[in-house]
Amino acid sequence: MMVTIFTPTYNRSYIINQLYKSLLNQTNKDFEWLIIDDGSNDGTESLINSFIKENSISLRYFKQNNGGKHRAINKGLTLAEGELFFIVDSDDYLTKNAISLISEYHEKLFDDTTLAGVSFRRGYNEKEPIGSKVLFNDFKSNVFDFRYIHKIKGDQAEVYKTEILKNYNFPDYKNEKFCAEGLLWNRLGLKYKILWTSKIVYICNYLEDGLTSKTIKNRKKSPKYSMLYYSELEKYRIPYIQKLKANINFWRFSFESKDSIVNKLKRVDILISLLGFPIGVLMYLKDNLQS
């Protein structure tokens, strides 16, 4: 099997049907749909079982206690049977030629051991990409150069080699349920490149109940993950202004952690913190006022 389309879901029975329909309409059916239900209580299980009974596509469904998207991804990687792993959120859907386009890049990926995968664009529709509007020829780059040298903005639709991604798991911090996916993608970027293309295969909805709309709140509730993400980001070879932003956000969310100030200082650059710390304090106070 070529692709595992992996969908972590939580209480999305009202909308996941649009993703299902887009999978039924694929021009290439060489995929499995693997769903990890992160503790839904809205009838998701019975709905997915109805999809399974239709037997129109390869579909596997597993339910676990609510633990966050990152834990669902960890579980999905242990179960994935496709050569490629494609995360598609339950409130989004694919263009009808998505798997066919992925198939076109399949050989290019496996002929090049420096590549961890291929990244397509997400769009508001099939013609309008999210973020940077520029169209570009396919090129190879790590994630840092893509963001900070080529300066292409917007969420992407990454399709990774499963065998590589299985070596990268999210850490497990008890009682915290949000970890930025970028933690893994950045770690991958230290060793591997991505083949970037401006073709759109993924249509995106940013809903009020989605993770994107609750980013600040989620990071505040999961300070260990937030500090880990930003302390690592600060150390990467990225522009100084990005290091400073990472440092600011490290301190911004660190005040939700009971870890000592001494231990926190050991995790970030002290000189950058001379500027980052006071701004982080102001951001922390602003977050509290807004909430």
C-alpha atoms as a PDB file:
ATOM      1  CA  MET A   1       0.000   0.000   0.000  1.00  0.00           C
ATOM      2  CA  MET A   2       1.355   3.381  -1.011  1.00  0.00           C
ATOM      3  CA  VAL A   3      -0.228   5.895   1.404  1.00  0.00           C
ATOM      4  CA  THR A   4      -1.617   5.881   4.918  1.00  0.00           C
ATOM      5  CA  ILE A   5      -3.979   8.829   5.195  1.00  0.00           C
ATOM      6  CA  PHE A   6      -3.925   9.397   8.920  1.00  0.00           C
ATOM      7  CA  THR A   7      -6.705  11.314  10.649  1.00  0.00           C
ATOM      8  CA  PRO A   8      -6.680  12.089  14.371  1.00  0.00           C
ATOM      9  CA  THR A   9     -10.142  13.223  15.430  1.00  0.00           C
ATOM     10  CA  TYR A  10     -12.005  14.499  18.456  1.00  0.00           C
ATOM     11  CA  ASN A  11     -15.742  15.274  18.380  1.00  0.00           C
ATOM     12  CA  ARG A  12     -15.893  15.956  14.670  1.00  0.00           C
ATOM     13  CA  SER A  13     -18.836  13.760  13.694  1.00  0.00           C
ATOM     14  CA  TYR A  14     -20.553  16.838  12.265  1.00  0.00           C
ATOM     15  CA  ILE A  15     -17.898  17.427   9.600  1.00  0.00           C
ATOM     16  CA  ILE A  16     -15.676  14.371   9.056  1.00  0.00           C
ATOM     17  CA  ASN A  17     -18.104  13.153   6.391  1.00  0.00           C
ATOM     18  CA  GLN A  18     -16.709  15.726   3.927  1.00  0.00           C
ATOM     19  CA  LEU A  19     -13.248  14.150   4.244  1.00  0.00           C
ATOM     20  CA  TYR A  20     -14.778  10.699   3.756  1.00  0.00           C
ATOM     21  CA  LYS A  21     -16.531  11.855   0.574  1.00  0.00           C
ATOM     22  CA  SER A  22     -13.287  13.323  -0.769  1.00  0.00           C
ATOM     23  CA  LEU A  23     -11.585   9.965  -0.220  1.00  0.00           C
ATOM     24  CA  LEU A  24     -14.382   8.143  -2.020  1.00  0.00           C
ATOM     25  CA  ASN A  25     -13.818  10.476  -4.974  1.00  0.00           C
ATOM     26  CA  GLN A  26     -10.066   9.886  -5.277  1.00  0.00           C
ATOM     27  CA  THR A  27      -8.902   9.007  -8.770  1.00  0.00           C
ATOM     28  CA  ASN A  28      -6.292   6.698  -7.228  1.00  0.00           C
ATOM     29  CA  LYS A  29      -7.418   4.337  -4.454  1.00  0.00           C
ATOM     30  CA  ASP A  30      -3.978   3.065  -3.412  1.00  0.00           C
ATOM     31  CA  PHE A  31      -4.343   4.211   0.193  1.00  0.00           C
ATOM     32  CA  GLU A  32      -5.691   3.269   3.590  1.00  0.00           C
ATOM     33  CA  TRP A  33      -7.583   5.638   5.865  1.00  0.00           C
ATOM     34  CA  LEU A  34      -6.378   5.213   9.427  1.00  0.00           C
ATOM     35  CA  ILE A  35      -8.404   7.039  12.080  1.00  0.00           C
ATOM     36  CA  ILE A  36      -7.420   7.505  15.712  1.00  0.00           C
ATOM     37  CA  ASP A  37     -10.363   8.756  17.735  1.00  0.00           C
ATOM     38  CA  ASP A  38      -8.969  10.754  20.663  1.00  0.00           C
ATOM     39  CA  GLY A  39     -11.841  10.069  23.059  1.00  0.00           C
ATOM     40  CA  SER A  40     -14.823  11.505  21.131  1.00  0.00           C
ATOM     41  CA  ASN A  41     -18.223  11.427  22.815  1.00  0.00           C
ATOM     42  CA  ASP A  42     -20.340  12.827  19.991  1.00  0.00           C
ATOM     43  CA  GLY A  43     -21.226   9.709  18.014  1.00  0.00           C
ATOM     44  CA  THR A  44     -18.045   9.630  15.961  1.00  0.00           C
ATOM     45  CA  GLU A  45     -17.578   5.903  16.570  1.00  0.00           C
ATOM     46  CA  SER A  46     -20.987   4.910  15.190  1.00  0.00           C
ATOM     47  CA  LEU A  47     -20.519   7.197  12.186  1.00  0.00           C
ATOM     48  CA  ILE A  48     -17.129   5.703  11.310  1.00  0.00           C
ATOM     49  CA  ASN A  49     -18.543   2.211  11.762  1.00  0.00           C
ATOM     50  CA  SER A  50     -21.157   3.090   9.162  1.00  0.00           C
ATOM     51  CA  PHE A  51     -18.351   4.068   6.787  1.00  0.00           C
ATOM     52  CA  ILE A  52     -16.626   0.746   7.473  1.00  0.00           C
ATOM     53  CA  LYS A  53     -19.823  -1.174   6.693  1.00  0.00           C
ATOM     54  CA  GLU A  54     -20.012   0.520   3.301  1.00  0.00           C
ATOM     55  CA  ASN A  55     -16.657  -1.131   2.513  1.00  0.00           C
ATOM     56  CA  SER A  56     -15.880   1.444  -0.191  1.00  0.00           C
ATOM     57  CA  ILE A  57     -12.307   2.178   0.873  1.00  0.00           C
ATOM     58  CA  SER A  58      -9.686   0.611   3.129  1.00  0.00           C
ATOM     59  CA  LEU A  59     -10.484   2.027   6.566  1.00  0.00           C
ATOM     60  CA  ARG A  60      -9.231   1.195  10.064  1.00  0.00           C
ATOM     61  CA  TYR A  61     -10.529   2.858  13.212  1.00  0.00           C
ATOM     62  CA  PHE A  62      -9.109   2.897  16.730  1.00  0.00           C
ATOM     63  CA  LYS A  63     -10.286   4.755  19.813  1.00  0.00           C
ATOM     64  CA  GLN A  64      -8.148   5.878  22.745  1.00  0.00           C
ATOM     65  CA  ASN A  65      -8.523   8.009  25.842  1.00  0.00           C
ATOM     66  CA  ASN A  66      -8.225  11.728  25.163  1.00  0.00           C
ATOM     67  CA  GLY A  67      -4.541  12.608  25.151  1.00  0.00           C
ATOM     68  CA  GLY A  68      -3.990  15.133  22.376  1.00  0.00           C
ATOM     69  CA  LYS A  69      -3.152  15.044  18.693  1.00  0.00           C
ATOM     70  CA  HIS A  70       0.533  14.296  19.234  1.00  0.00           C
ATOM     71  CA  ARG A  71      -0.261  11.068  21.113  1.00  0.00           C
ATOM     72  CA  ALA A  72      -2.701  10.102  18.363  1.00  0.00           C
ATOM     73  CA  ILE A  73       0.092  10.595  15.800  1.00  0.00           C
ATOM     74  CA  ASN A  74       2.436   8.399  17.851  1.00  0.00           C
ATOM     75  CA  LYS A  75      -0.213   5.678  17.880  1.00  0.00           C
ATOM     76  CA  GLY A  76      -0.929   6.098  14.195  1.00  0.00           C
ATOM     77  CA  LEU A  77       2.703   5.580  13.294  1.00  0.00           C
ATOM     78  CA  THR A  78       2.760   2.238  15.094  1.00  0.00           C
ATOM     79  CA  LEU A  79      -0.265   1.103  13.068  1.00  0.00           C
ATOM     80  CA  ALA A  80       0.463   2.610   9.646  1.00  0.00           C
ATOM     81  CA  GLU A  81       0.868   0.141   6.782  1.00  0.00           C
ATOM     82  CA  GLY A  82       1.485   2.596   3.928  1.00  0.00           C
ATOM     83  CA  GLU A  83       4.915   3.490   2.597  1.00  0.00           C
ATOM     84  CA  LEU A  84       3.959   7.155   3.002  1.00  0.00           C
ATOM     85  CA  PHE A  85       2.262   8.844   5.957  1.00  0.00           C
ATOM     86  CA  PHE A  86      -0.076  11.759   5.291  1.00  0.00           C
ATOM     87  CA  ILE A  87      -1.766  13.566   8.181  1.00  0.00           C
ATOM     88  CA  VAL A  88      -5.160  14.947   7.139  1.00  0.00           C
ATOM     89  CA  ASP A  89      -7.206  16.588   9.879  1.00  0.00           C
ATOM     90  CA  SER A  90     -10.848  15.640  10.346  1.00  0.00           C
ATOM     91  CA  ASP A  91     -12.166  19.108   9.449  1.00  0.00           C
ATOM     92  CA  ASP A  92     -10.287  19.236   6.145  1.00  0.00           C
ATOM     93  CA  TYR A  93     -10.453  17.282   2.889  1.00  0.00           C
ATOM     94  CA  LEU A  94      -8.453  16.383  -0.220  1.00  0.00           C
ATOM     95  CA  THR A  95      -8.699  17.305  -3.870  1.00  0.00           C
ATOM     96  CA  LYS A  96      -9.864  14.374  -6.006  1.00  0.00           C
ATOM     97  CA  ASN A  97      -6.409  13.992  -7.603  1.00  0.00           C
ATOM     98  CA  ALA A  98      -4.455  14.165  -4.314  1.00  0.00           C
ATOM     99  CA  ILE A  99      -3.385  10.512  -4.195  1.00  0.00           C
ATOM    100  CA  SER A 100      -2.629  10.514  -7.933  1.00  0.00           C
ATOM    101  CA  LEU A 101      -0.288  13.479  -7.458  1.00  0.00           C
ATOM    102  CA  ILE A 102       1.368  11.810  -4.486  1.00  0.00           C
ATOM    103  CA  SER A 103       1.852   8.725  -6.653  1.00  0.00           C
ATOM    104  CA  GLU A 104       3.696  10.829  -9.231  1.00  0.00           C
ATOM    105  CA  TYR A 105       6.235  11.830  -6.582  1.00  0.00           C
ATOM    106  CA  HIS A 106       6.514   8.355  -5.090  1.00  0.00           C
ATOM    107  CA  GLU A 107       9.498   7.165  -7.140  1.00  0.00           C
ATOM    108  CA  LYS A 108      11.351  10.471  -6.760  1.00  0.00           C
ATOM    109  CA  LEU A 109      11.144  10.125  -3.001  1.00  0.00           C
ATOM    110  CA  PHE A 110      12.419   6.588  -2.734  1.00  0.00           C
ATOM    111  CA  ASP A 111      15.247   7.178  -5.180  1.00  0.00           C
ATOM    112  CA  ASP A 112      16.635   9.926  -2.941  1.00  0.00           C
ATOM    113  CA  THR A 113      17.723   8.962   0.585  1.00  0.00           C
ATOM    114  CA  THR A 114      18.240  12.627   1.541  1.00  0.00           C
ATOM    115  CA  LEU A 115      14.480  13.236   1.320  1.00  0.00           C
ATOM    116  CA  ALA A 116      12.092  12.564   4.196  1.00  0.00           C
ATOM    117  CA  GLY A 117       9.056  13.301   2.058  1.00  0.00           C
ATOM    118  CA  VAL A 118       7.248  15.662  -0.280  1.00  0.00           C
ATOM    119  CA  SER A 119       5.241  18.714   0.752  1.00  0.00           C
ATOM    120  CA  PHE A 120       2.267  20.011  -1.192  1.00  0.00           C
ATOM    121  CA  ARG A 121       0.329  23.192  -0.515  1.00  0.00           C
ATOM    122  CA  ARG A 122      -2.836  23.609   1.515  1.00  0.00           C
ATOM    123  CA  GLY A 123      -5.482  25.815  -0.043  1.00  0.00           C
ATOM    124  CA  TYR A 124      -8.709  27.603   0.746  1.00  0.00           C
ATOM    125  CA  ASN A 125      -9.761  25.991  -2.529  1.00  0.00           C
ATOM    126  CA  GLU A 126      -7.992  24.216  -5.396  1.00  0.00           C
ATOM    127  CA  LYS A 127      -6.600  27.459  -6.824  1.00  0.00           C
ATOM    128  CA  GLU A 128      -5.911  29.681  -3.792  1.00  0.00           C
ATOM    129  CA  PRO A 129      -3.058  28.535  -1.529  1.00  0.00           C
ATOM    130  CA  ILE A 130      -3.016  29.362   2.159  1.00  0.00           C
ATOM    131  CA  GLY A 131      -0.187  31.744   2.996  1.00  0.00           C
ATOM    132  CA  SER A 132       2.251  32.851   0.285  1.00  0.00           C
ATOM    133  CA  LYS A 133       0.560  33.188  -3.105  1.00  0.00           C
ATOM    134  CA  VAL A 134       3.752  32.649  -5.081  1.00  0.00           C
ATOM    135  CA  LEU A 135       3.980  29.615  -7.358  1.00  0.00           C
ATOM    136  CA  PHE A 136       7.375  27.933  -7.516  1.00  0.00           C
ATOM    137  CA  ASN A 137       9.128  25.114  -9.313  1.00  0.00           C
ATOM    138  CA  ASP A 138       9.759  21.975  -7.273  1.00  0.00           C
ATOM    139  CA  PHE A 139      12.890  22.209  -5.157  1.00  0.00           C
ATOM    140  CA  LYS A 140      14.643  20.374  -2.314  1.00  0.00           C
ATOM    141  CA  SER A 141      15.307  22.093   0.992  1.00  0.00           C
ATOM    142  CA  ASN A 142      15.174  21.525   4.717  1.00  0.00           C
ATOM    143  CA  VAL A 143      12.297  23.068   6.624  1.00  0.00           C
ATOM    144  CA  PHE A 144      14.410  25.917   8.020  1.00  0.00           C
ATOM    145  CA  ASP A 145      15.599  27.190   4.639  1.00  0.00           C
ATOM    146  CA  PHE A 146      12.066  26.812   3.276  1.00  0.00           C
ATOM    147  CA  ARG A 147      10.705  29.122   5.967  1.00  0.00           C
ATOM    148  CA  TYR A 148      13.535  31.563   6.555  1.00  0.00           C
ATOM    149  CA  ILE A 149      15.431  31.783   3.251  1.00  0.00           C
ATOM    150  CA  HIS A 150      12.723  31.091   0.681  1.00  0.00           C
ATOM    151  CA  LYS A 151      10.229  32.751   3.066  1.00  0.00           C
ATOM    152  CA  ILE A 152       7.203  30.749   1.985  1.00  0.00           C
ATOM    153  CA  LYS A 153       4.431  31.147   4.531  1.00  0.00           C
ATOM    154  CA  GLY A 154       1.377  29.072   5.353  1.00  0.00           C
ATOM    155  CA  ASP A 155       0.643  25.565   6.563  1.00  0.00           C
ATOM    156  CA  GLN A 156       1.849  22.874   4.168  1.00  0.00           C
ATOM    157  CA  ALA A 157       0.582  19.370   3.404  1.00  0.00           C
ATOM    158  CA  GLU A 158       3.552  17.129   4.145  1.00  0.00           C
ATOM    159  CA  VAL A 159       3.666  13.495   3.064  1.00  0.00           C
ATOM    160  CA  TYR A 160       6.475  11.636   4.837  1.00  0.00           C
ATOM    161  CA  LYS A 161       8.206   8.328   4.333  1.00  0.00           C
ATOM    162  CA  THR A 162       6.682   6.154   7.025  1.00  0.00           C
ATOM    163  CA  GLU A 163       9.887   4.244   7.786  1.00  0.00           C
ATOM    164  CA  ILE A 164      11.675   7.517   8.558  1.00  0.00           C
ATOM    165  CA  LEU A 165       8.861   9.074  10.559  1.00  0.00           C
ATOM    166  CA  LYS A 166       8.558   5.976  12.746  1.00  0.00           C
ATOM    167  CA  ASN A 167      11.959   6.954  14.206  1.00  0.00           C
ATOM    168  CA  TYR A 168      10.585  10.275  15.424  1.00  0.00           C
ATOM    169  CA  ASN A 169       8.045  10.186  18.236  1.00  0.00           C
ATOM    170  CA  PHE A 170       6.593  12.944  20.354  1.00  0.00           C
ATOM    171  CA  PRO A 171       7.722  12.845  24.007  1.00  0.00           C
ATOM    172  CA  ASP A 172       5.088  12.022  26.591  1.00  0.00           C
ATOM    173  CA  TYR A 173       4.560  14.585  29.349  1.00  0.00           C
ATOM    174  CA  LYS A 174       1.829  13.487  31.716  1.00  0.00           C
ATOM    175  CA  ASN A 175      -1.152  15.812  32.196  1.00  0.00           C
ATOM    176  CA  GLU A 176      -0.280  17.852  29.106  1.00  0.00           C
ATOM    177  CA  LYS A 177      -2.265  17.435  25.889  1.00  0.00           C
ATOM    178  CA  PHE A 178      -0.810  19.853  23.356  1.00  0.00           C
ATOM    179  CA  CYS A 179       2.519  19.637  21.580  1.00  0.00           C
ATOM    180  CA  ALA A 180       3.306  21.635  18.455  1.00  0.00           C
ATOM    181  CA  GLU A 181       3.803  19.293  15.499  1.00  0.00           C
ATOM    182  CA  GLY A 182       6.701  21.500  14.448  1.00  0.00           C
ATOM    183  CA  LEU A 183       8.759  19.867  17.192  1.00  0.00           C
ATOM    184  CA  LEU A 184       9.051  16.729  15.048  1.00  0.00           C
ATOM    185  CA  TRP A 185       9.271  18.477  11.684  1.00  0.00           C
ATOM    186  CA  ASN A 186      12.154  20.619  12.960  1.00  0.00           C
ATOM    187  CA  ARG A 187      13.996  17.580  14.282  1.00  0.00           C
ATOM    188  CA  LEU A 188      13.561  15.901  10.904  1.00  0.00           C
ATOM    189  CA  GLY A 189      14.956  19.031   9.260  1.00  0.00           C
ATOM    190  CA  LEU A 190      18.298  18.572  10.981  1.00  0.00           C
ATOM    191  CA  LYS A 191      18.925  15.406   8.956  1.00  0.00           C
ATOM    192  CA  TYR A 192      16.573  15.384   5.972  1.00  0.00           C
ATOM    193  CA  LYS A 193      15.309  17.595   3.195  1.00  0.00           C
ATOM    194  CA  ILE A 194      11.786  17.843   1.807  1.00  0.00           C
ATOM    195  CA  LEU A 195      10.772  18.026  -1.850  1.00  0.00           C
ATOM    196  CA  TRP A 196       8.572  21.131  -1.954  1.00  0.00           C
ATOM    197  CA  THR A 197       5.916  21.688  -4.602  1.00  0.00           C
ATOM    198  CA  SER A 198       3.313  24.420  -5.022  1.00  0.00           C
ATOM    199  CA  LYS A 199       0.602  21.978  -6.145  1.00  0.00           C
ATOM    200  CA  ILE A 200      -2.507  22.089  -3.914  1.00  0.00           C
ATOM    201  CA  VAL A 201      -3.908  18.755  -2.697  1.00  0.00           C
ATOM    202  CA  TYR A 202      -5.364  19.714   0.693  1.00  0.00           C
ATOM    203  CA  ILE A 203      -8.335  21.993   1.327  1.00  0.00           C
ATOM    204  CA  CYS A 204      -8.279  23.499   4.776  1.00  0.00           C
ATOM    205  CA  ASN A 205     -10.900  24.768   7.215  1.00  0.00           C
ATOM    206  CA  TYR A 206      -9.823  26.669  10.316  1.00  0.00           C
ATOM    207  CA  LEU A 207     -12.781  26.106  12.621  1.00  0.00           C
ATOM    208  CA  GLU A 208     -13.579  27.738  15.949  1.00  0.00           C
ATOM    209  CA  ASP A 209     -13.184  24.387  17.730  1.00  0.00           C
ATOM    210  CA  GLY A 210      -9.857  23.613  16.067  1.00  0.00           C
ATOM    211  CA  LEU A 211      -6.363  23.561  17.544  1.00  0.00           C
ATOM    212  CA  THR A 212      -5.241  26.532  15.449  1.00  0.00           C
ATOM    213  CA  SER A 213      -7.866  28.829  16.977  1.00  0.00           C
ATOM    214  CA  LYS A 214      -6.843  27.800  20.512  1.00  0.00           C
ATOM    215  CA  THR A 215      -3.076  27.917  20.105  1.00  0.00           C
ATOM    216  CA  ILE A 216      -2.250  30.298  22.963  1.00  0.00           C
ATOM    217  CA  LYS A 217      -4.640  28.618  25.398  1.00  0.00           C
ATOM    218  CA  ASN A 218      -3.273  25.163  24.544  1.00  0.00           C
ATOM    219  CA  ARG A 219       0.357  26.223  24.927  1.00  0.00           C
ATOM    220  CA  LYS A 220      -0.414  27.763  28.324  1.00  0.00           C
ATOM    221  CA  LYS A 221      -1.960  24.494  29.481  1.00  0.00           C
ATOM    222  CA  SER A 222       1.039  22.475  28.251  1.00  0.00           C
ATOM    223  CA  PRO A 223       4.091  24.494  29.361  1.00  0.00           C
ATOM    224  CA  LYS A 224       6.552  21.583  29.287  1.00  0.00           C
ATOM    225  CA  TYR A 225       5.831  20.947  25.628  1.00  0.00           C
ATOM    226  CA  SER A 226       5.863  24.676  24.866  1.00  0.00           C
ATOM    227  CA  MET A 227       9.236  25.203  26.542  1.00  0.00           C
ATOM    228  CA  LEU A 228      10.681  22.163  24.784  1.00  0.00           C
ATOM    229  CA  TYR A 229       9.541  23.385  21.374  1.00  0.00           C
ATOM    230  CA  TYR A 230      10.810  26.945  21.772  1.00  0.00           C
ATOM    231  CA  SER A 231      14.088  26.067  23.503  1.00  0.00           C
ATOM    232  CA  GLU A 232      14.951  23.720  20.616  1.00  0.00           C
ATOM    233  CA  LEU A 233      13.868  26.240  17.989  1.00  0.00           C
ATOM    234  CA  GLU A 234      16.106  28.902  19.503  1.00  0.00           C
ATOM    235  CA  LYS A 235      19.157  26.651  19.035  1.00  0.00           C
ATOM    236  CA  TYR A 236      18.629  25.949  15.326  1.00  0.00           C
ATOM    237  CA  ARG A 237      20.467  27.797  12.550  1.00  0.00           C
ATOM    238  CA  ILE A 238      17.768  30.373  11.925  1.00  0.00           C
ATOM    239  CA  PRO A 239      17.851  34.201  11.724  1.00  0.00           C
ATOM    240  CA  TYR A 240      18.506  36.018  14.981  1.00  0.00           C
ATOM    241  CA  ILE A 241      15.070  37.626  15.000  1.00  0.00           C
ATOM    242  CA  GLN A 242      13.519  34.141  14.918  1.00  0.00           C
ATOM    243  CA  LYS A 243      15.771  33.033  17.764  1.00  0.00           C
ATOM    244  CA  LEU A 244      14.600  36.056  19.745  1.00  0.00           C
ATOM    245  CA  LYS A 245      10.936  35.256  19.035  1.00  0.00           C
ATOM    246  CA  ALA A 246      11.513  31.674  20.179  1.00  0.00           C
ATOM    247  CA  ASN A 247      13.185  32.925  23.350  1.00  0.00           C
ATOM    248  CA  ILE A 248      10.320  35.333  24.067  1.00  0.00           C
ATOM    249  CA  ASN A 249       7.763  32.567  23.660  1.00  0.00           C
ATOM    250  CA  PHE A 250       9.829  30.229  25.826  1.00  0.00           C
ATOM    251  CA  TRP A 251       9.591  32.700  28.693  1.00  0.00           C
ATOM    252  CA  ARG A 252       6.004  33.623  27.855  1.00  0.00           C
ATOM    253  CA  PHE A 253       4.783  30.085  28.530  1.00  0.00           C
ATOM    254  CA  SER A 254       7.413  29.132  31.104  1.00  0.00           C
ATOM    255  CA  PHE A 255       5.545  30.971  33.858  1.00  0.00           C
ATOM    256  CA  GLU A 256       2.891  28.256  33.714  1.00  0.00           C
ATOM    257  CA  SER A 257       5.572  25.726  34.691  1.00  0.00           C
ATOM    258  CA  LYS A 258       6.670  24.975  38.249  1.00  0.00           C
ATOM    259  CA  ASP A 259      10.235  24.324  37.116  1.00  0.00           C
ATOM    260  CA  SER A 260      12.828  26.556  38.790  1.00  0.00           C
ATOM    261  CA  ILE A 261      14.128  29.711  37.113  1.00  0.00           C
ATOM    262  CA  VAL A 262      17.638  28.249  37.263  1.00  0.00           C
ATOM    263  CA  ASN A 263      16.634  25.179  35.276  1.00  0.00           C
ATOM    264  CA  LYS A 264      14.790  27.346  32.776  1.00  0.00           C
ATOM    265  CA  LEU A 265      17.844  29.546  32.257  1.00  0.00           C
ATOM    266  CA  LYS A 266      19.908  26.451  31.433  1.00  0.00           C
ATOM    267  CA  ARG A 267      17.644  25.706  28.479  1.00  0.00           C
ATOM    268  CA  VAL A 268      17.955  28.976  26.557  1.00  0.00           C
ATOM    269  CA  ASP A 269      20.633  31.478  25.541  1.00  0.00           C
ATOM    270  CA  ILE A 270      21.290  33.857  28.449  1.00  0.00           C
ATOM    271  CA  LEU A 271      22.293  36.794  26.236  1.00  0.00           C
ATOM    272  CA  ILE A 272      19.165  36.497  24.110  1.00  0.00           C
ATOM    273  CA  SER A 273      17.163  36.196  27.325  1.00  0.00           C
ATOM    274  CA  LEU A 274      18.336  39.660  28.426  1.00  0.00           C
ATOM    275  CA  LEU A 275      15.874  40.954  25.826  1.00  0.00           C
ATOM    276  CA  GLY A 276      13.567  37.973  25.543  1.00  0.00           C
ATOM    277  CA  PHE A 277      12.738  37.590  29.245  1.00  0.00           C
ATOM    278  CA  PRO A 278      11.141  41.024  29.877  1.00  0.00           C
ATOM    279  CA  ILE A 279       9.163  40.836  26.625  1.00  0.00           C
ATOM    280  CA  GLY A 280       8.095  37.321  27.581  1.00  0.00           C
ATOM    281  CA  VAL A 281       6.818  38.647  30.908  1.00  0.00           C
ATOM    282  CA  LEU A 282       4.756  41.289  29.113  1.00  0.00           C
ATOM    283  CA  MET A 283       3.339  38.689  26.717  1.00  0.00           C
ATOM    284  CA  TYR A 284       2.443  36.437  29.662  1.00  0.00           C
ATOM    285  CA  LEU A 285       0.617  39.290  31.400  1.00  0.00           C
ATOM    286  CA  LYS A 286      -1.177  40.195  28.178  1.00  0.00           C
ATOM    287  CA  ASP A 287      -2.325  36.580  27.696  1.00  0.00           C
ATOM    288  CA  ASN A 288      -3.731  36.507  31.230  1.00  0.00           C
ATOM    289  CA  LEU A 289      -5.588  39.781  30.740  1.00  0.00           C
ATOM    290  CA  GLN A 290      -7.130  38.575  27.484  1.00  0.00           C
ATOM    291  CA  SER A 291      -8.215  35.279  28.997  1.00  0.00           C
END
